[in-house]
């Protein structure tokens, strides 16, 4: 093991105890020894992100990708840092690049990960690019949804993101059908219950929406948008 790798291992251990500043110092030493070490840049980016040094973190993730364009997790963490900076379009474009590199999933034999498609679409929504988000999800359901295998427990994520886009576009019937599909899915999560309640509200079925909203409150009352929905349905 090289001296740089030893420093990286020590830095990872320090980061594991939340001593991020000391970790960054060791990683900077490792980078000085081996400027082309993608792992050193990646781990440094993670530590900087934990210190809320988002701009510097993005730079380190960029360096990691420059030395190894396929470094696992680099684009996803870069997107988180960019999102924290309000750079949602850059975040979305980076996530899309990752999808294009691995359209059938990063890990061979494990299939498509629906979360990656949902996360990328949500990033485009935050960037105000709802049409791009919808086109991406349409592509997912058309070409990739049937290739989900090991990540089945996350298969409802694209459903609820598209359902919300459809609600916003006034396509309430299709939104309700899609949200109902996620709601009745054995792999549903609390966010799917909220999405179904929102779709029922959009359809004008306030009684049903209120009932499902109460179910969502029992599951996780801290979900963003849930208390606002409950307040609207109480009027």
Protein backbone atom coordinates (compact mmCIF):
# COMPACT_ATOMS: atom_id res chain seq x y z
CA UNK A 1 0.00 0.00 0.00
CA UNK A 2 1.40 3.41 -0.99
CA UNK A 3 1.87 6.26 1.46
CA UNK A 4 -1.04 8.07 -0.20
CA UNK A 5 -3.32 5.06 0.25
CA UNK A 6 -2.31 4.84 3.91
CA UNK A 7 -3.27 8.49 4.38
CA UNK A 8 -6.60 7.89 2.62
CA UNK A 9 -7.39 4.97 4.92
CA UNK A 10 -6.56 7.08 7.98
CA UNK A 11 -8.70 9.93 6.66
CA UNK A 12 -11.67 7.63 6.08
CA UNK A 13 -11.37 6.42 9.67
CA UNK A 14 -11.31 10.01 10.92
CA UNK A 15 -14.35 10.89 8.82
CA UNK A 16 -16.10 7.90 10.36
CA UNK A 17 -15.78 9.61 13.74
CA UNK A 18 -16.98 12.96 12.30
CA UNK A 19 -13.47 14.44 12.43
CA UNK A 20 -13.83 15.85 8.94
CA UNK A 21 -11.34 18.70 9.21
CA UNK A 22 -8.52 16.34 10.14
CA UNK A 23 -9.65 14.00 7.37
CA UNK A 24 -9.42 16.81 4.80
CA UNK A 25 -5.90 17.65 5.94
CA UNK A 26 -4.74 14.06 5.44
CA UNK A 27 -6.49 13.79 2.09
CA UNK A 28 -4.86 16.98 0.88
CA UNK A 29 -1.51 15.42 1.76
CA UNK A 30 -2.47 12.30 -0.19
CA UNK A 31 -3.47 14.42 -3.19
CA UNK A 32 -0.15 16.25 -3.04
CA UNK A 33 1.60 12.87 -3.22
CA UNK A 34 -0.65 11.45 -5.94
CA UNK A 35 -2.57 14.20 -7.77
CA UNK A 36 -4.19 11.63 -10.04
CA UNK A 37 -5.64 9.51 -7.23
CA UNK A 38 -9.40 9.58 -7.88
CA UNK A 39 -10.24 8.06 -4.51
CA UNK A 40 -8.33 10.76 -2.64
CA UNK A 41 -10.28 13.48 -4.46
CA UNK A 42 -13.57 11.65 -3.92
CA UNK A 43 -13.05 11.13 -0.19
CA UNK A 44 -11.91 14.73 0.15
CA UNK A 45 -15.11 15.84 -1.56
CA UNK A 46 -17.19 13.82 0.89
CA UNK A 47 -15.38 15.30 3.89
CA UNK A 48 -15.70 18.84 2.55
CA UNK A 49 -19.39 18.28 1.89
CA UNK A 50 -19.83 17.21 5.51
CA UNK A 51 -18.22 20.53 6.50
CA UNK A 52 -20.71 22.38 4.25
CA UNK A 53 -17.88 23.49 1.96
CA UNK A 54 -20.02 22.77 -1.08
CA UNK A 55 -18.01 24.66 -3.70
CA UNK A 56 -14.76 22.99 -2.70
CA UNK A 57 -16.54 19.62 -2.55
CA UNK A 58 -17.78 20.01 -6.13
CA UNK A 59 -14.23 20.81 -7.23
CA UNK A 60 -12.93 17.62 -5.62
CA UNK A 61 -15.67 15.51 -7.19
CA UNK A 62 -14.83 17.07 -10.55
CA UNK A 63 -11.19 16.15 -10.01
CA UNK A 64 -12.15 12.58 -9.13
CA UNK A 65 -14.21 12.29 -12.31
CA UNK A 66 -11.45 13.85 -14.39
CA UNK A 67 -9.10 11.08 -13.29
CA UNK A 68 -11.74 8.32 -13.38
CA UNK A 69 -15.01 9.20 -15.19
CA UNK A 70 -16.63 6.04 -13.82
CA UNK A 71 -15.76 6.58 -10.15
CA UNK A 72 -18.72 5.14 -8.18
CA UNK A 73 -20.91 7.72 -6.48
CA UNK A 74 -18.97 10.77 -7.63
CA UNK A 75 -21.74 12.23 -9.79
CA UNK A 76 -24.43 11.51 -7.21
CA UNK A 77 -22.52 13.26 -4.42
CA UNK A 78 -21.54 16.06 -6.78
CA UNK A 79 -25.25 16.53 -7.51
CA UNK A 80 -26.00 16.77 -3.79
CA UNK A 81 -23.39 19.47 -3.37
CA UNK A 82 -24.66 21.37 -6.41
CA UNK A 83 -28.23 21.06 -5.15
CA UNK A 84 -27.21 22.56 -1.82
CA UNK A 85 -25.76 25.48 -3.78
CA UNK A 86 -28.98 25.91 -5.77
CA UNK A 87 -27.27 24.71 -8.96
CA UNK A 88 -30.10 22.34 -9.76
CA UNK A 89 -29.65 22.24 -13.54
CA UNK A 90 -25.98 21.30 -13.24
CA UNK A 91 -26.93 18.68 -10.67
CA UNK A 92 -29.59 17.23 -12.96
CA UNK A 93 -27.31 17.19 -15.98
CA UNK A 94 -24.67 15.32 -13.98
CA UNK A 95 -27.19 12.72 -12.86
CA UNK A 96 -28.39 12.35 -16.43
CA UNK A 97 -24.83 11.75 -17.58
CA UNK A 98 -24.57 8.94 -15.03
CA UNK A 99 -27.81 7.42 -16.35
CA UNK A 100 -26.55 7.58 -19.92
CA UNK A 101 -23.35 5.83 -18.91
CA UNK A 102 -25.24 3.05 -17.13
CA UNK A 103 -28.82 2.97 -18.51
CA UNK A 104 -29.36 -0.60 -17.32
CA UNK A 105 -27.79 -0.05 -13.91
CA UNK A 106 -24.27 0.52 -12.66
CA UNK A 107 -23.86 -2.91 -11.12
CA UNK A 108 -23.97 -5.71 -13.66
CA UNK A 109 -26.70 -8.23 -13.08
CA UNK A 110 -28.58 -6.16 -10.50
CA UNK A 111 -30.83 -4.39 -12.98
CA UNK A 112 -32.10 -0.84 -13.24
CA UNK A 113 -32.31 1.27 -10.07
CA UNK A 114 -35.58 3.27 -10.22
CA UNK A 115 -34.28 5.74 -7.63
CA UNK A 116 -31.64 7.02 -10.04
CA UNK A 117 -34.29 7.91 -12.62
CA UNK A 118 -36.56 9.48 -10.01
CA UNK A 119 -33.71 11.48 -8.46
CA UNK A 120 -32.64 12.81 -11.85
CA UNK A 121 -36.22 13.77 -12.73
CA UNK A 122 -36.67 15.53 -9.38
CA UNK A 123 -33.45 17.46 -9.97
CA UNK A 124 -34.84 18.70 -13.28
CA UNK A 125 -38.08 19.67 -11.54
CA UNK A 126 -36.11 21.71 -9.00
CA UNK A 127 -34.32 23.33 -11.94
CA UNK A 128 -37.68 24.35 -13.38
CA UNK A 129 -37.31 21.91 -16.29
CA UNK A 130 -40.53 19.96 -15.82
CA UNK A 131 -40.76 18.99 -19.49
CA UNK A 132 -37.31 17.40 -19.37
CA UNK A 133 -38.27 15.61 -16.17
CA UNK A 134 -41.40 14.22 -17.77
CA UNK A 135 -39.58 13.14 -20.92
CA UNK A 136 -37.02 11.34 -18.78
CA UNK A 137 -39.69 9.47 -16.82
CA UNK A 138 -41.59 8.63 -19.99
CA UNK A 139 -38.36 7.09 -21.30
CA UNK A 140 -37.92 5.18 -18.04
CA UNK A 141 -41.39 3.62 -18.15
CA UNK A 142 -41.12 2.92 -21.88
CA UNK A 143 -37.62 1.43 -22.03
CA UNK A 144 -36.30 0.59 -18.57
CA UNK A 145 -39.01 -0.15 -15.99
CA UNK A 146 -39.27 -3.76 -17.10
CA UNK A 147 -35.57 -4.23 -16.32
CA UNK A 148 -35.92 -3.54 -12.60
CA UNK A 149 -34.99 -6.63 -10.59
CA UNK A 150 -32.88 -6.26 -7.45
CA UNK A 151 -34.21 -2.76 -6.78
CA UNK A 152 -37.91 -3.62 -6.86
CA UNK A 153 -38.47 -2.09 -3.42
CA UNK A 154 -37.80 1.32 -4.99
CA UNK A 155 -39.99 0.87 -8.07
CA UNK A 156 -42.65 3.33 -6.87
CA UNK A 157 -40.25 6.31 -6.81
CA UNK A 158 -40.64 7.21 -10.51
CA UNK A 159 -44.41 6.65 -10.25
CA UNK A 160 -44.94 9.28 -7.57
CA UNK A 161 -42.61 11.80 -9.24
CA UNK A 162 -44.48 11.46 -12.53
CA UNK A 163 -47.83 11.58 -10.72
CA UNK A 164 -46.94 14.97 -9.25
CA UNK A 165 -45.81 16.24 -12.65
CA UNK A 166 -49.13 15.12 -14.12
CA UNK A 167 -51.05 16.87 -11.34
CA UNK A 168 -49.14 20.07 -12.05
CA UNK A 169 -49.95 19.70 -15.75
CA UNK A 170 -53.66 19.26 -15.03
CA UNK A 171 -53.70 15.61 -16.12
CA UNK A 172 -55.40 14.57 -12.93
CA UNK A 173 -56.99 11.34 -14.13
CA UNK A 174 -53.71 9.81 -15.26
CA UNK A 175 -52.00 11.15 -12.15
CA UNK A 176 -54.58 9.46 -9.93
CA UNK A 177 -54.22 6.17 -11.79
CA UNK A 178 -50.44 6.23 -11.47
CA UNK A 179 -50.53 7.26 -7.81
CA UNK A 180 -53.04 4.49 -7.11
CA UNK A 181 -50.68 2.01 -8.75
CA UNK A 182 -47.91 3.09 -6.38
CA UNK A 183 -50.29 3.15 -3.39
CA UNK A 184 -51.36 -0.46 -3.95
CA UNK A 185 -47.83 -1.65 -4.69
CA UNK A 186 -46.46 -4.03 -2.01
CA UNK A 187 -43.24 -2.00 -2.06
CA UNK A 188 -44.94 1.31 -1.34
CA UNK A 189 -43.48 3.77 1.15
CA UNK A 190 -45.09 6.65 3.13
CA UNK A 191 -44.34 9.10 0.31
CA UNK A 192 -46.53 7.01 -1.99
CA UNK A 193 -49.44 7.36 0.42
CA UNK A 194 -49.01 11.13 0.38
CA UNK A 195 -48.79 11.13 -3.42
CA UNK A 196 -52.05 9.20 -3.64
CA UNK A 197 -53.77 11.63 -1.27
CA UNK A 198 -52.58 14.54 -3.41
CA UNK A 199 -53.91 12.87 -6.54
CA UNK A 200 -57.31 12.34 -4.91
CA UNK A 201 -57.38 15.99 -3.88
CA UNK A 202 -56.57 16.99 -7.46
CA UNK A 203 -59.49 14.84 -8.64
CA UNK A 204 -61.81 16.67 -6.25
CA UNK A 205 -62.44 13.63 -4.03
CA UNK A 206 -61.85 15.40 -0.74
CA UNK A 207 -63.31 12.69 1.50
CA UNK A 208 -61.07 9.99 0.06
CA UNK A 209 -58.12 12.37 0.07
CA UNK A 210 -58.73 13.17 3.74
CA UNK A 211 -58.86 9.48 4.64
CA UNK A 212 -55.59 8.71 2.85
CA UNK A 213 -54.03 11.87 4.30
CA UNK A 214 -54.75 10.60 7.81
CA UNK A 215 -53.09 7.33 6.87
CA UNK A 216 -50.02 9.26 5.72
CA UNK A 217 -49.95 11.25 8.96
CA UNK A 218 -49.88 8.03 10.96
CA UNK A 219 -46.98 6.72 8.89
CA UNK A 220 -44.80 9.84 8.93
CA UNK A 221 -46.25 13.19 9.96
CA UNK A 222 -43.03 15.02 9.02
CA UNK A 223 -43.22 14.43 5.25
CA UNK A 224 -42.86 17.72 3.33
CA UNK A 225 -46.22 18.97 2.12
CA UNK A 226 -48.28 16.65 4.31
CA UNK A 227 -49.28 19.15 6.98
CA UNK A 228 -50.24 21.66 4.29
CA UNK A 229 -52.42 19.06 2.57
CA UNK A 230 -54.07 18.14 5.85
CA UNK A 231 -54.80 21.81 6.55
CA UNK A 232 -56.39 22.27 3.12
CA UNK A 233 -58.58 19.22 3.59
CA UNK A 234 -59.76 20.44 7.00
CA UNK A 235 -61.31 23.57 5.52
